Amino acid sequence: MKTGEQVQKQTLSIHKNLFSFYKYSSLENGVFKEMNQMKNKFQAECKKLNDDLIAKKDRMFETMDINDWELDEDKARAIPRNKIINDKTLAMDLMLVNVNKSLFCVRRLTLLI
């Protein structure tokens, strides 16, 4: 049978270890919380960029000036110009190809985080 002193030592040891574990866990959780906040901020910025790009494409489509659309030349060559002008979805997919590519890379990056 254990004496009161042995039980007290074990209790103190358990208390010390649990306190150290809790302190370490709190620090680790703080890092994860900060990473999650950064990810959420990055995703919000990415969504704003995407929304701004869609709005810009809408304004460009309304002008009907196909020369300013910065079309993907490889894809645009295979499609008649009047079809591009009459199909808003198609036109928006083809216009501002360089911005689309960079935003696509940013979107993929947000999925990795």
PDB file of N, CA and C in Angstrom:
ATOM      1  N   MET A   1       0.831  -1.169   0.000  1.00  0.00           N
ATOM      2  CA  MET A   1       0.000   0.000   0.000  1.00  0.00           C
ATOM      3  C   MET A   1       0.882   1.241   0.000  1.00  0.00           C
ATOM      4  N   LYS A   2       0.457   2.217  -0.750  1.00  0.00           N
ATOM      5  CA  LYS A   2       1.243   3.438  -0.883  1.00  0.00           C
ATOM      6  C   LYS A   2       0.999   4.360   0.306  1.00  0.00           C
ATOM      7  N   THR A   3       2.051   5.018   0.636  1.00  0.00           N
ATOM      8  CA  THR A   3       1.920   5.985   1.723  1.00  0.00           C
ATOM      9  C   THR A   3       1.398   7.302   1.170  1.00  0.00           C
ATOM     10  N   GLY A   4       0.978   8.141   2.060  1.00  0.00           N
ATOM     11  CA  GLY A   4       0.458   9.450   1.661  1.00  0.00           C
ATOM     12  C   GLY A   4       1.498  10.280   0.942  1.00  0.00           C
ATOM     13  N   GLU A   5       2.746  10.133   1.336  1.00  0.00           N
ATOM     14  CA  GLU A   5       3.832  10.898   0.701  1.00  0.00           C
ATOM     15  C   GLU A   5       4.043  10.451  -0.745  1.00  0.00           C
ATOM     16  N   GLN A   6       3.979   9.148  -1.004  1.00  0.00           N
ATOM     17  CA  GLN A   6       4.141   8.623  -2.360  1.00  0.00           C
ATOM     18  C   GLN A   6       2.991   9.103  -3.264  1.00  0.00           C
ATOM     19  N   VAL A   7       1.780   9.058  -2.762  1.00  0.00           N
ATOM     20  CA  VAL A   7       0.609   9.519  -3.517  1.00  0.00           C
ATOM     21  C   VAL A   7       0.747  11.004  -3.818  1.00  0.00           C
ATOM     22  N   GLN A   8       1.209  11.753  -2.849  1.00  0.00           N
ATOM     23  CA  GLN A   8       1.380  13.198  -3.046  1.00  0.00           C
ATOM     24  C   GLN A   8       2.436  13.474  -4.116  1.00  0.00           C
ATOM     25  N   LYS A   9       3.554  12.708  -4.128  1.00  0.00           N
ATOM     26  CA  LYS A   9       4.601  12.876  -5.143  1.00  0.00           C
ATOM     27  C   LYS A   9       4.061  12.537  -6.532  1.00  0.00           C
ATOM     28  N   GLN A  10       3.321  11.449  -6.616  1.00  0.00           N
ATOM     29  CA  GLN A  10       2.753  11.057  -7.910  1.00  0.00           C
ATOM     30  C   GLN A  10       1.751  12.101  -8.410  1.00  0.00           C
ATOM     31  N   THR A  11       0.936  12.603  -7.500  1.00  0.00           N
ATOM     32  CA  THR A  11      -0.041  13.632  -7.867  1.00  0.00           C
ATOM     33  C   THR A  11       0.673  14.884  -8.352  1.00  0.00           C
ATOM     34  N   LEU A  12       1.717  15.291  -7.670  1.00  0.00           N
ATOM     35  CA  LEU A  12       2.488  16.466  -8.060  1.00  0.00           C
ATOM     36  C   LEU A  12       3.151  16.246  -9.424  1.00  0.00           C
ATOM     37  N   SER A  13       3.681  15.041  -9.632  1.00  0.00           N
ATOM     38  CA  SER A  13       4.314  14.714 -10.915  1.00  0.00           C
ATOM     39  C   SER A  13       3.289  14.762 -12.058  1.00  0.00           C
ATOM     40  N   ILE A  14       2.129  14.181 -11.833  1.00  0.00           N
ATOM     41  CA  ILE A  14       1.065  14.200 -12.851  1.00  0.00           C
ATOM     42  C   ILE A  14       0.639  15.632 -13.128  1.00  0.00           C
ATOM     43  N   HIS A  15       0.453  16.413 -12.083  1.00  0.00           N
ATOM     44  CA  HIS A  15       0.064  17.815 -12.242  1.00  0.00           C
ATOM     45  C   HIS A  15       1.095  18.570 -13.073  1.00  0.00           C
ATOM     46  N   LYS A  16       2.373  18.376 -12.761  1.00  0.00           N
ATOM     47  CA  LYS A  16       3.460  19.057 -13.475  1.00  0.00           C
ATOM     48  C   LYS A  16       3.461  18.669 -14.962  1.00  0.00           C
ATOM     49  N   ASN A  17       3.328  17.365 -15.236  1.00  0.00           N
ATOM     50  CA  ASN A  17       3.334  16.891 -16.622  1.00  0.00           C
ATOM     51  C   ASN A  17       2.108  17.388 -17.396  1.00  0.00           C
ATOM     52  N   LEU A  18       0.956  17.368 -16.755  1.00  0.00           N
ATOM     53  CA  LEU A  18      -0.255  17.861 -17.426  1.00  0.00           C
ATOM     54  C   LEU A  18      -0.156  19.362 -17.703  1.00  0.00           C
ATOM     55  N   PHE A  19       0.390  20.108 -16.776  1.00  0.00           N
ATOM     56  CA  PHE A  19       0.553  21.546 -16.977  1.00  0.00           C
ATOM     57  C   PHE A  19       1.489  21.820 -18.149  1.00  0.00           C
ATOM     58  N   SER A  20       2.615  21.086 -18.204  1.00  0.00           N
ATOM     59  CA  SER A  20       3.567  21.253 -19.313  1.00  0.00           C
ATOM     60  C   SER A  20       2.912  20.898 -20.640  1.00  0.00           C
ATOM     61  N   PHE A  21       2.150  19.805 -20.653  1.00  0.00           N
ATOM     62  CA  PHE A  21       1.459  19.387 -21.873  1.00  0.00           C
ATOM     63  C   PHE A  21       0.450  20.448 -22.316  1.00  0.00           C
ATOM     64  N   TYR A  22      -0.319  20.970 -21.365  1.00  0.00           N
ATOM     65  CA  TYR A  22      -1.318  21.988 -21.688  1.00  0.00           C
ATOM     66  C   TYR A  22      -0.648  23.247 -22.231  1.00  0.00           C
ATOM     67  N   LYS A  23       0.443  23.661 -21.606  1.00  0.00           N
ATOM     68  CA  LYS A  23       1.163  24.855 -22.050  1.00  0.00           C
ATOM     69  C   LYS A  23       1.686  24.657 -23.476  1.00  0.00           C
ATOM     70  N   TYR A  24       2.278  23.511 -23.753  1.00  0.00           N
ATOM     71  CA  TYR A  24       2.790  23.199 -25.093  1.00  0.00           C
ATOM     72  C   TYR A  24       1.641  23.145 -26.102  1.00  0.00           C
ATOM     73  N   SER A  25       0.552  22.493 -25.732  1.00  0.00           N
ATOM     74  CA  SER A  25      -0.604  22.379 -26.638  1.00  0.00           C
ATOM     75  C   SER A  25      -1.182  23.752 -26.971  1.00  0.00           C
ATOM     76  N   SER A  26      -1.238  24.623 -25.985  1.00  0.00           N
ATOM     77  CA  SER A  26      -1.761  25.977 -26.215  1.00  0.00           C
ATOM     78  C   SER A  26      -0.904  26.721 -27.224  1.00  0.00           C
ATOM     79  N   LEU A  27       0.400  26.589 -27.118  1.00  0.00           N
ATOM     80  CA  LEU A  27       1.300  27.244 -28.074  1.00  0.00           C
ATOM     81  C   LEU A  27       1.102  26.677 -29.481  1.00  0.00           C
ATOM     82  N   GLU A  28       1.015  25.369 -29.581  1.00  0.00           N
ATOM     83  CA  GLU A  28       0.815  24.733 -30.877  1.00  0.00           C
ATOM     84  C   GLU A  28      -0.523  25.136 -31.491  1.00  0.00           C
ATOM     85  N   ASN A  29      -1.564  25.156 -30.688  1.00  0.00           N
ATOM     86  CA  ASN A  29      -2.876  25.553 -31.198  1.00  0.00           C
ATOM     87  C   ASN A  29      -2.870  27.001 -31.667  1.00  0.00           C
ATOM     88  N   GLY A  30      -2.106  27.846 -31.005  1.00  0.00           N
ATOM     89  CA  GLY A  30      -1.994  29.242 -31.429  1.00  0.00           C
ATOM     90  C   GLY A  30      -1.401  29.358 -32.820  1.00  0.00           C
ATOM     91  N   VAL A  31      -0.411  28.505 -33.114  1.00  0.00           N
ATOM     92  CA  VAL A  31       0.212  28.506 -34.444  1.00  0.00           C
ATOM     93  C   VAL A  31      -0.803  28.076 -35.499  1.00  0.00           C
ATOM     94  N   PHE A  32      -1.563  27.024 -35.200  1.00  0.00           N
ATOM     95  CA  PHE A  32      -2.573  26.558 -36.158  1.00  0.00           C
ATOM     96  C   PHE A  32      -3.670  27.596 -36.355  1.00  0.00           C
ATOM     97  N   LYS A  33      -4.040  28.271 -35.293  1.00  0.00           N
ATOM     98  CA  LYS A  33      -5.061  29.313 -35.391  1.00  0.00           C
ATOM     99  C   LYS A  33      -4.559  30.448 -36.288  1.00  0.00           C
ATOM    100  N   GLU A  34      -3.303  30.837 -36.110  1.00  0.00           N
ATOM    101  CA  GLU A  34      -2.725  31.903 -36.934  1.00  0.00           C
ATOM    102  C   GLU A  34      -2.639  31.482 -38.393  1.00  0.00           C
ATOM    103  N   MET A  35      -2.238  30.235 -38.640  1.00  0.00           N
ATOM    104  CA  MET A  35      -2.174  29.737 -40.022  1.00  0.00           C
ATOM    105  C   MET A  35      -3.559  29.736 -40.664  1.00  0.00           C
ATOM    106  N   ASN A  36      -4.565  29.346 -39.924  1.00  0.00           N
ATOM    107  CA  ASN A  36      -5.925  29.322 -40.443  1.00  0.00           C
ATOM    108  C   ASN A  36      -6.421  30.725 -40.762  1.00  0.00           C
ATOM    109  N   GLN A  37      -6.090  31.696 -39.902  1.00  0.00           N
ATOM    110  CA  GLN A  37      -6.471  33.085 -40.164  1.00  0.00           C
ATOM    111  C   GLN A  37      -5.790  33.601 -41.428  1.00  0.00           C
ATOM    112  N   MET A  38      -4.513  33.266 -41.602  1.00  0.00           N
ATOM    113  CA  MET A  38      -3.791  33.693 -42.803  1.00  0.00           C
ATOM    114  C   MET A  38      -4.392  33.062 -44.054  1.00  0.00           C
ATOM    115  N   LYS A  39      -4.756  31.785 -43.957  1.00  0.00           N
ATOM    116  CA  LYS A  39      -5.374  31.097 -45.093  1.00  0.00           C
ATOM    117  C   LYS A  39      -6.700  31.750 -45.457  1.00  0.00           C
ATOM    118  N   ASN A  40      -7.514  32.052 -44.447  1.00  0.00           N
ATOM    119  CA  ASN A  40      -8.810  32.679 -44.698  1.00  0.00           C
ATOM    120  C   ASN A  40      -8.646  34.054 -45.337  1.00  0.00           C
ATOM    121  N   LYS A  41      -7.659  34.818 -44.874  1.00  0.00           N
ATOM    122  CA  LYS A  41      -7.396  36.131 -45.448  1.00  0.00           C
ATOM    123  C   LYS A  41      -6.957  36.000 -46.909  1.00  0.00           C
ATOM    124  N   PHE A  42      -6.075  35.044 -47.170  1.00  0.00           N
ATOM    125  CA  PHE A  42      -5.589  34.808 -48.527  1.00  0.00           C
ATOM    126  C   PHE A  42      -6.737  34.389 -49.444  1.00  0.00           C
ATOM    127  N   GLN A  43      -7.612  33.514 -48.965  1.00  0.00           N
ATOM    128  CA  GLN A  43      -8.745  33.080 -49.769  1.00  0.00           C
ATOM    129  C   GLN A  43      -9.711  34.227 -50.042  1.00  0.00           C
ATOM    130  N   ALA A  44      -9.906  35.101 -49.054  1.00  0.00           N
ATOM    131  CA  ALA A  44     -10.786  36.258 -49.254  1.00  0.00           C
ATOM    132  C   ALA A  44     -10.203  37.197 -50.308  1.00  0.00           C
ATOM    133  N   GLU A  45      -8.883  37.407 -50.255  1.00  0.00           N
ATOM    134  CA  GLU A  45      -8.237  38.253 -51.255  1.00  0.00           C
ATOM    135  C   GLU A  45      -8.341  37.634 -52.638  1.00  0.00           C
ATOM    136  N   CYS A  46      -8.196  36.328 -52.700  1.00  0.00           N
ATOM    137  CA  CYS A  46      -8.296  35.614 -53.982  1.00  0.00           C
ATOM    138  C   CYS A  46      -9.711  35.729 -54.542  1.00  0.00           C
ATOM    139  N   LYS A  47     -10.712  35.600 -53.688  1.00  0.00           N
ATOM    140  CA  LYS A  47     -12.104  35.736 -54.138  1.00  0.00           C
ATOM    141  C   LYS A  47     -12.362  37.146 -54.660  1.00  0.00           C
ATOM    142  N   LYS A  48     -11.817  38.154 -53.981  1.00  0.00           N
ATOM    143  CA  LYS A  48     -11.989  39.531 -54.428  1.00  0.00           C
ATOM    144  C   LYS A  48     -11.334  39.727 -55.792  1.00  0.00           C
ATOM    145  N   LEU A  49     -10.129  39.181 -55.981  1.00  0.00           N
ATOM    146  CA  LEU A  49      -9.464  39.272 -57.285  1.00  0.00           C
ATOM    147  C   LEU A  49     -10.318  38.623 -58.367  1.00  0.00           C
ATOM    148  N   ASN A  50     -10.881  37.468 -58.066  1.00  0.00           N
ATOM    149  CA  ASN A  50     -11.717  36.771 -59.038  1.00  0.00           C
ATOM    150  C   ASN A  50     -12.971  37.577 -59.361  1.00  0.00           C
ATOM    151  N   ASP A  51     -13.612  38.132 -58.334  1.00  0.00           N
ATOM    152  CA  ASP A  51     -14.808  38.951 -58.553  1.00  0.00           C
ATOM    153  C   ASP A  51     -14.487  40.195 -59.376  1.00  0.00           C
ATOM    154  N   ASP A  52     -13.336  40.822 -59.083  1.00  0.00           N
ATOM    155  CA  ASP A  52     -12.907  41.995 -59.851  1.00  0.00           C
ATOM    156  C   ASP A  52     -12.641  41.633 -61.308  1.00  0.00           C
ATOM    157  N   LEU A  53     -12.035  40.458 -61.516  1.00  0.00           N
ATOM    158  CA  LEU A  53     -11.752  40.012 -62.882  1.00  0.00           C
ATOM    159  C   LEU A  53     -13.044  39.771 -63.656  1.00  0.00           C
ATOM    160  N   ILE A  54     -14.012  39.143 -63.027  1.00  0.00           N
ATOM    161  CA  ILE A  54     -15.300  38.897 -63.691  1.00  0.00           C
ATOM    162  C   ILE A  54     -15.984  40.220 -64.038  1.00  0.00           C
ATOM    163  N   ALA A  55     -15.931  41.185 -63.115  1.00  0.00           N
ATOM    164  CA  ALA A  55     -16.542  42.498 -63.372  1.00  0.00           C
ATOM    165  C   ALA A  55     -15.834  43.191 -64.534  1.00  0.00           C
ATOM    166  N   LYS A  56     -14.509  43.088 -64.570  1.00  0.00           N
ATOM    167  CA  LYS A  56     -13.749  43.707 -65.664  1.00  0.00           C
ATOM    168  C   LYS A  56     -14.104  43.056 -66.998  1.00  0.00           C
ATOM    169  N   LYS A  57     -14.220  41.733 -66.999  1.00  0.00           N
ATOM    170  CA  LYS A  57     -14.591  41.032 -68.235  1.00  0.00           C
ATOM    171  C   LYS A  57     -15.991  41.429 -68.688  1.00  0.00           C
ATOM    172  N   ASP A  58     -16.916  41.583 -67.731  1.00  0.00           N
ATOM    173  CA  ASP A  58     -18.277  42.027 -68.073  1.00  0.00           C
ATOM    174  C   ASP A  58     -18.242  43.390 -68.761  1.00  0.00           C
ATOM    175  N   ARG A  59     -17.460  44.311 -68.181  1.00  0.00           N
ATOM    176  CA  ARG A  59     -17.358  45.660 -68.786  1.00  0.00           C
ATOM    177  C   ARG A  59     -16.727  45.583 -70.181  1.00  0.00           C
ATOM    178  N   MET A  60     -15.709  44.745 -70.315  1.00  0.00           N
ATOM    179  CA  MET A  60     -15.055  44.609 -71.622  1.00  0.00           C
ATOM    180  C   MET A  60     -16.009  44.000 -72.653  1.00  0.00           C
ATOM    181  N   PHE A  61     -16.799  43.017 -72.225  1.00  0.00           N
ATOM    182  CA  PHE A  61     -17.730  42.380 -73.153  1.00  0.00           C
ATOM    183  C   PHE A  61     -18.766  43.371 -73.651  1.00  0.00           C
ATOM    184  N   GLU A  62     -19.199  44.260 -72.766  1.00  0.00           N
ATOM    185  CA  GLU A  62     -20.211  45.246 -73.149  1.00  0.00           C
ATOM    186  C   GLU A  62     -19.705  46.199 -74.231  1.00  0.00           C
ATOM    187  N   THR A  63     -18.395  46.445 -74.290  1.00  0.00           N
ATOM    188  CA  THR A  63     -17.849  47.341 -75.314  1.00  0.00           C
ATOM    189  C   THR A  63     -17.861  46.702 -76.696  1.00  0.00           C
ATOM    190  N   MET A  64     -17.866  45.381 -76.727  1.00  0.00           N
ATOM    191  CA  MET A  64     -17.822  44.615 -77.985  1.00  0.00           C
ATOM    192  C   MET A  64     -16.580  44.908 -78.822  1.00  0.00           C
ATOM    193  N   ASP A  65     -15.530  45.417 -78.186  1.00  0.00           N
ATOM    194  CA  ASP A  65     -14.264  45.666 -78.894  1.00  0.00           C
ATOM    195  C   ASP A  65     -13.352  44.462 -78.674  1.00  0.00           C
ATOM    196  N   ILE A  66     -13.443  43.518 -79.585  1.00  0.00           N
ATOM    197  CA  ILE A  66     -12.743  42.244 -79.444  1.00  0.00           C
ATOM    198  C   ILE A  66     -11.219  42.408 -79.447  1.00  0.00           C
ATOM    199  N   ASN A  67     -10.726  43.503 -79.995  1.00  0.00           N
ATOM    200  CA  ASN A  67      -9.279  43.734 -80.048  1.00  0.00           C
ATOM    201  C   ASN A  67      -8.688  44.031 -78.665  1.00  0.00           C
ATOM    202  N   ASP A  68      -9.504  44.514 -77.740  1.00  0.00           N
ATOM    203  CA  ASP A  68      -9.021  44.828 -76.391  1.00  0.00           C
ATOM    204  C   ASP A  68      -9.180  43.661 -75.415  1.00  0.00           C
ATOM    205  N   TRP A  69      -9.695  42.564 -75.857  1.00  0.00           N
ATOM    206  CA  TRP A  69     -10.021  41.471 -74.959  1.00  0.00           C
ATOM    207  C   TRP A  69      -8.838  40.588 -74.588  1.00  0.00           C
ATOM    208  N   GLU A  70      -7.707  40.743 -75.248  1.00  0.00           N
ATOM    209  CA  GLU A  70      -6.525  39.901 -74.997  1.00  0.00           C
ATOM    210  C   GLU A  70      -6.918  38.425 -75.020  1.00  0.00           C
ATOM    211  N   LEU A  71      -7.452  38.017 -76.145  1.00  0.00           N
ATOM    212  CA  LEU A  71      -7.960  36.654 -76.298  1.00  0.00           C
ATOM    213  C   LEU A  71      -6.829  35.630 -76.311  1.00  0.00           C
ATOM    214  N   ASP A  72      -7.170  34.404 -75.937  1.00  0.00           N
ATOM    215  CA  ASP A  72      -6.266  33.270 -76.084  1.00  0.00           C
ATOM    216  C   ASP A  72      -6.220  32.960 -77.586  1.00  0.00           C
ATOM    217  N   GLU A  73      -5.139  33.364 -78.227  1.00  0.00           N
ATOM    218  CA  GLU A  73      -5.061  33.295 -79.695  1.00  0.00           C
ATOM    219  C   GLU A  73      -5.207  31.879 -80.240  1.00  0.00           C
ATOM    220  N   ASP A  74      -4.625  30.905 -79.568  1.00  0.00           N
ATOM    221  CA  ASP A  74      -4.715  29.525 -80.065  1.00  0.00           C
ATOM    222  C   ASP A  74      -6.162  29.048 -80.122  1.00  0.00           C
ATOM    223  N   LYS A  75      -6.904  29.317 -79.062  1.00  0.00           N
ATOM    224  CA  LYS A  75      -8.311  28.889 -79.025  1.00  0.00           C
ATOM    225  C   LYS A  75      -9.186  29.775 -79.899  1.00  0.00           C
ATOM    226  N   ALA A  76      -8.881  31.075 -79.937  1.00  0.00           N
ATOM    227  CA  ALA A  76      -9.720  32.021 -80.672  1.00  0.00           C
ATOM    228  C   ALA A  76      -9.623  31.805 -82.176  1.00  0.00           C
ATOM    229  N   ARG A  77      -8.479  31.345 -82.651  1.00  0.00           N
ATOM    230  CA  ARG A  77      -8.323  31.111 -84.093  1.00  0.00           C
ATOM    231  C   ARG A  77      -9.281  30.034 -84.591  1.00  0.00           C
ATOM    232  N   ALA A  78      -9.570  29.065 -83.752  1.00  0.00           N
ATOM    233  CA  ALA A  78     -10.417  27.945 -84.164  1.00  0.00           C
ATOM    234  C   ALA A  78     -11.913  28.271 -84.090  1.00  0.00           C
ATOM    235  N   ILE A  79     -12.253  29.419 -83.529  1.00  0.00           N
ATOM    236  CA  ILE A  79     -13.667  29.774 -83.342  1.00  0.00           C
ATOM    237  C   ILE A  79     -13.972  31.039 -84.144  1.00  0.00           C
ATOM    238  N   PRO A  80     -15.063  31.034 -84.893  1.00  0.00           N
ATOM    239  CA  PRO A  80     -15.423  32.240 -85.646  1.00  0.00           C
ATOM    240  C   PRO A  80     -15.650  33.443 -84.719  1.00  0.00           C
ATOM    241  N   ARG A  81     -15.215  34.624 -85.176  1.00  0.00           N
ATOM    242  CA  ARG A  81     -15.318  35.850 -84.362  1.00  0.00           C
ATOM    243  C   ARG A  81     -16.754  36.164 -83.957  1.00  0.00           C
ATOM    244  N   ASN A  82     -17.696  35.991 -84.870  1.00  0.00           N
ATOM    245  CA  ASN A  82     -19.082  36.329 -84.524  1.00  0.00           C
ATOM    246  C   ASN A  82     -19.633  35.403 -83.437  1.00  0.00           C
ATOM    247  N   LYS A  83     -19.155  34.156 -83.377  1.00  0.00           N
ATOM    248  CA  LYS A  83     -19.591  33.253 -82.310  1.00  0.00           C
ATOM    249  C   LYS A  83     -19.042  33.740 -80.967  1.00  0.00           C
ATOM    250  N   ILE A  84     -17.796  34.219 -80.958  1.00  0.00           N
ATOM    251  CA  ILE A  84     -17.200  34.734 -79.724  1.00  0.00           C
ATOM    252  C   ILE A  84     -17.966  35.971 -79.248  1.00  0.00           C
ATOM    253  N   ILE A  85     -18.276  36.850 -80.158  1.00  0.00           N
ATOM    254  CA  ILE A  85     -18.982  38.089 -79.805  1.00  0.00           C
ATOM    255  C   ILE A  85     -20.398  37.812 -79.306  1.00  0.00           C
ATOM    256  N   ASN A  86     -21.050  36.803 -79.856  1.00  0.00           N
ATOM    257  CA  ASN A  86     -22.434  36.506 -79.478  1.00  0.00           C
ATOM    258  C   ASN A  86     -22.570  35.592 -78.259  1.00  0.00           C
ATOM    259  N   ASP A  87     -21.497  34.935 -77.864  1.00  0.00           N
ATOM    260  CA  ASP A  87     -21.540  34.004 -76.731  1.00  0.00           C
ATOM    261  C   ASP A  87     -20.715  34.579 -75.571  1.00  0.00           C
ATOM    262  N   LYS A  88     -21.399  35.165 -74.610  1.00  0.00           N
ATOM    263  CA  LYS A  88     -20.718  35.843 -73.496  1.00  0.00           C
ATOM    264  C   LYS A  88     -19.857  34.878 -72.674  1.00  0.00           C
ATOM    265  N   THR A  89     -20.384  33.699 -72.398  1.00  0.00           N
ATOM    266  CA  THR A  89     -19.631  32.722 -71.604  1.00  0.00           C
ATOM    267  C   THR A  89     -18.337  32.327 -72.307  1.00  0.00           C
ATOM    268  N   LEU A  90     -18.435  32.060 -73.580  1.00  0.00           N
ATOM    269  CA  LEU A  90     -17.252  31.702 -74.367  1.00  0.00           C
ATOM    270  C   LEU A  90     -16.262  32.857 -74.410  1.00  0.00           C
ATOM    271  N   ALA A  91     -16.767  34.048 -74.650  1.00  0.00           N
ATOM    272  CA  ALA A  91     -15.891  35.222 -74.722  1.00  0.00           C
ATOM    273  C   ALA A  91     -15.166  35.448 -73.403  1.00  0.00           C
ATOM    274  N   MET A  92     -15.878  35.303 -72.298  1.00  0.00           N
ATOM    275  CA  MET A  92     -15.263  35.534 -70.991  1.00  0.00           C
ATOM    276  C   MET A  92     -14.225  34.464 -70.659  1.00  0.00           C
ATOM    277  N   ASP A  93     -14.422  33.257 -71.170  1.00  0.00           N
ATOM    278  CA  ASP A  93     -13.417  32.203 -70.977  1.00  0.00           C
ATOM    279  C   ASP A  93     -12.149  32.493 -71.775  1.00  0.00           C
ATOM    280  N   LEU A  94     -12.310  33.111 -72.922  1.00  0.00           N
ATOM    281  CA  LEU A  94     -11.163  33.356 -73.802  1.00  0.00           C
ATOM    282  C   LEU A  94     -10.434  34.671 -73.513  1.00  0.00           C
ATOM    283  N   MET A  95     -11.114  35.646 -72.942  1.00  0.00           N
ATOM    284  CA  MET A  95     -10.487  36.964 -72.771  1.00  0.00           C
ATOM    285  C   MET A  95      -9.576  37.012 -71.544  1.00  0.00           C
ATOM    286  N   LEU A  96      -8.628  37.943 -71.611  1.00  0.00           N
ATOM    287  CA  LEU A  96      -7.652  38.174 -70.542  1.00  0.00           C
ATOM    288  C   LEU A  96      -6.963  36.876 -70.118  1.00  0.00           C
ATOM    289  N   VAL A  97      -6.422  36.183 -71.091  1.00  0.00           N
ATOM    290  CA  VAL A  97      -5.862  34.854 -70.863  1.00  0.00           C
ATOM    291  C   VAL A  97      -4.706  34.875 -69.863  1.00  0.00           C
ATOM    292  N   ASN A  98      -3.848  35.888 -69.887  1.00  0.00           N
ATOM    293  CA  ASN A  98      -2.712  35.924 -68.956  1.00  0.00           C
ATOM    294  C   ASN A  98      -3.174  36.130 -67.520  1.00  0.00           C
ATOM    295  N   VAL A  99      -4.181  36.954 -67.328  1.00  0.00           N
ATOM    296  CA  VAL A  99      -4.715  37.171 -65.983  1.00  0.00           C
ATOM    297  C   VAL A  99      -5.395  35.893 -65.502  1.00  0.00           C
ATOM    298  N   ASN A 100      -6.099  35.206 -66.400  1.00  0.00           N
ATOM    299  CA  ASN A 100      -6.753  33.949 -66.039  1.00  0.00           C
ATOM    300  C   ASN A 100      -5.736  32.926 -65.542  1.00  0.00           C
ATOM    301  N   LYS A 101      -4.598  32.822 -66.254  1.00  0.00           N
ATOM    302  CA  LYS A 101      -3.577  31.841 -65.883  1.00  0.00           C
ATOM    303  C   LYS A 101      -2.989  32.154 -64.511  1.00  0.00           C
ATOM    304  N   SER A 102      -2.682  33.421 -64.250  1.00  0.00           N
ATOM    305  CA  SER A 102      -2.094  33.752 -62.955  1.00  0.00           C
ATOM    306  C   SER A 102      -3.106  33.564 -61.826  1.00  0.00           C
ATOM    307  N   LEU A 103      -4.366  33.895 -62.066  1.00  0.00           N
ATOM    308  CA  LEU A 103      -5.384  33.696 -61.036  1.00  0.00           C
ATOM    309  C   LEU A 103      -5.626  32.210 -60.800  1.00  0.00           C
ATOM    310  N   PHE A 104      -5.521  31.408 -61.849  1.00  0.00           N
ATOM    311  CA  PHE A 104      -5.648  29.960 -61.708  1.00  0.00           C
ATOM    312  C   PHE A 104      -4.554  29.427 -60.790  1.00  0.00           C
ATOM    313  N   CYS A 105      -3.327  29.931 -60.941  1.00  0.00           N
ATOM    314  CA  CYS A 105      -2.226  29.499 -60.070  1.00  0.00           C
ATOM    315  C   CYS A 105      -2.496  29.889 -58.622  1.00  0.00           C
ATOM    316  N   VAL A 106      -3.035  31.071 -58.413  1.00  0.00           N
ATOM    317  CA  VAL A 106      -3.352  31.518 -57.050  1.00  0.00           C
ATOM    318  C   VAL A 106      -4.441  30.641 -56.453  1.00  0.00           C
ATOM    319  N   ARG A 107      -5.457  30.291 -57.251  1.00  0.00           N
ATOM    320  CA  ARG A 107      -6.544  29.434 -56.760  1.00  0.00           C
ATOM    321  C   ARG A 107      -6.005  28.074 -56.348  1.00  0.00           C
ATOM    322  N   ARG A 108      -5.100  27.524 -57.158  1.00  0.00           N
ATOM    323  CA  ARG A 108      -4.515  26.226 -56.826  1.00  0.00           C
ATOM    324  C   ARG A 108      -3.711  26.312 -55.546  1.00  0.00           C
ATOM    325  N   LEU A 109      -3.025  27.427 -55.354  1.00  0.00           N
ATOM    326  CA  LEU A 109      -2.246  27.615 -54.147  1.00  0.00           C
ATOM    327  C   LEU A 109      -3.142  27.644 -52.911  1.00  0.00           C
ATOM    328  N   THR A 110      -4.318  28.247 -53.036  1.00  0.00           N
ATOM    329  CA  THR A 110      -5.225  28.298 -51.879  1.00  0.00           C
ATOM    330  C   THR A 110      -5.732  26.909 -51.526  1.00  0.00           C
ATOM    331  N   LEU A 111      -5.811  26.027 -52.500  1.00  0.00           N
ATOM    332  CA  LEU A 111      -6.250  24.658 -52.204  1.00  0.00           C
ATOM    333  C   LEU A 111      -5.181  23.887 -51.458  1.00  0.00           C
ATOM    334  N   LEU A 112      -3.911  24.252 -51.672  1.00  0.00           N
ATOM    335  CA  LEU A 112      -2.817  23.562 -51.008  1.00  0.00           C
ATOM    336  C   LEU A 112      -2.650  23.981 -49.563  1.00  0.00           C
ATOM    337  N   ILE A 113      -3.125  25.182 -49.248  1.00  0.00           N
ATOM    338  CA  ILE A 113      -2.930  25.715 -47.888  1.00  0.00           C
ATOM    339  C   ILE A 113      -3.942  25.103 -46.950  1.00  0.00           C
TER     340      ILE A 113
END
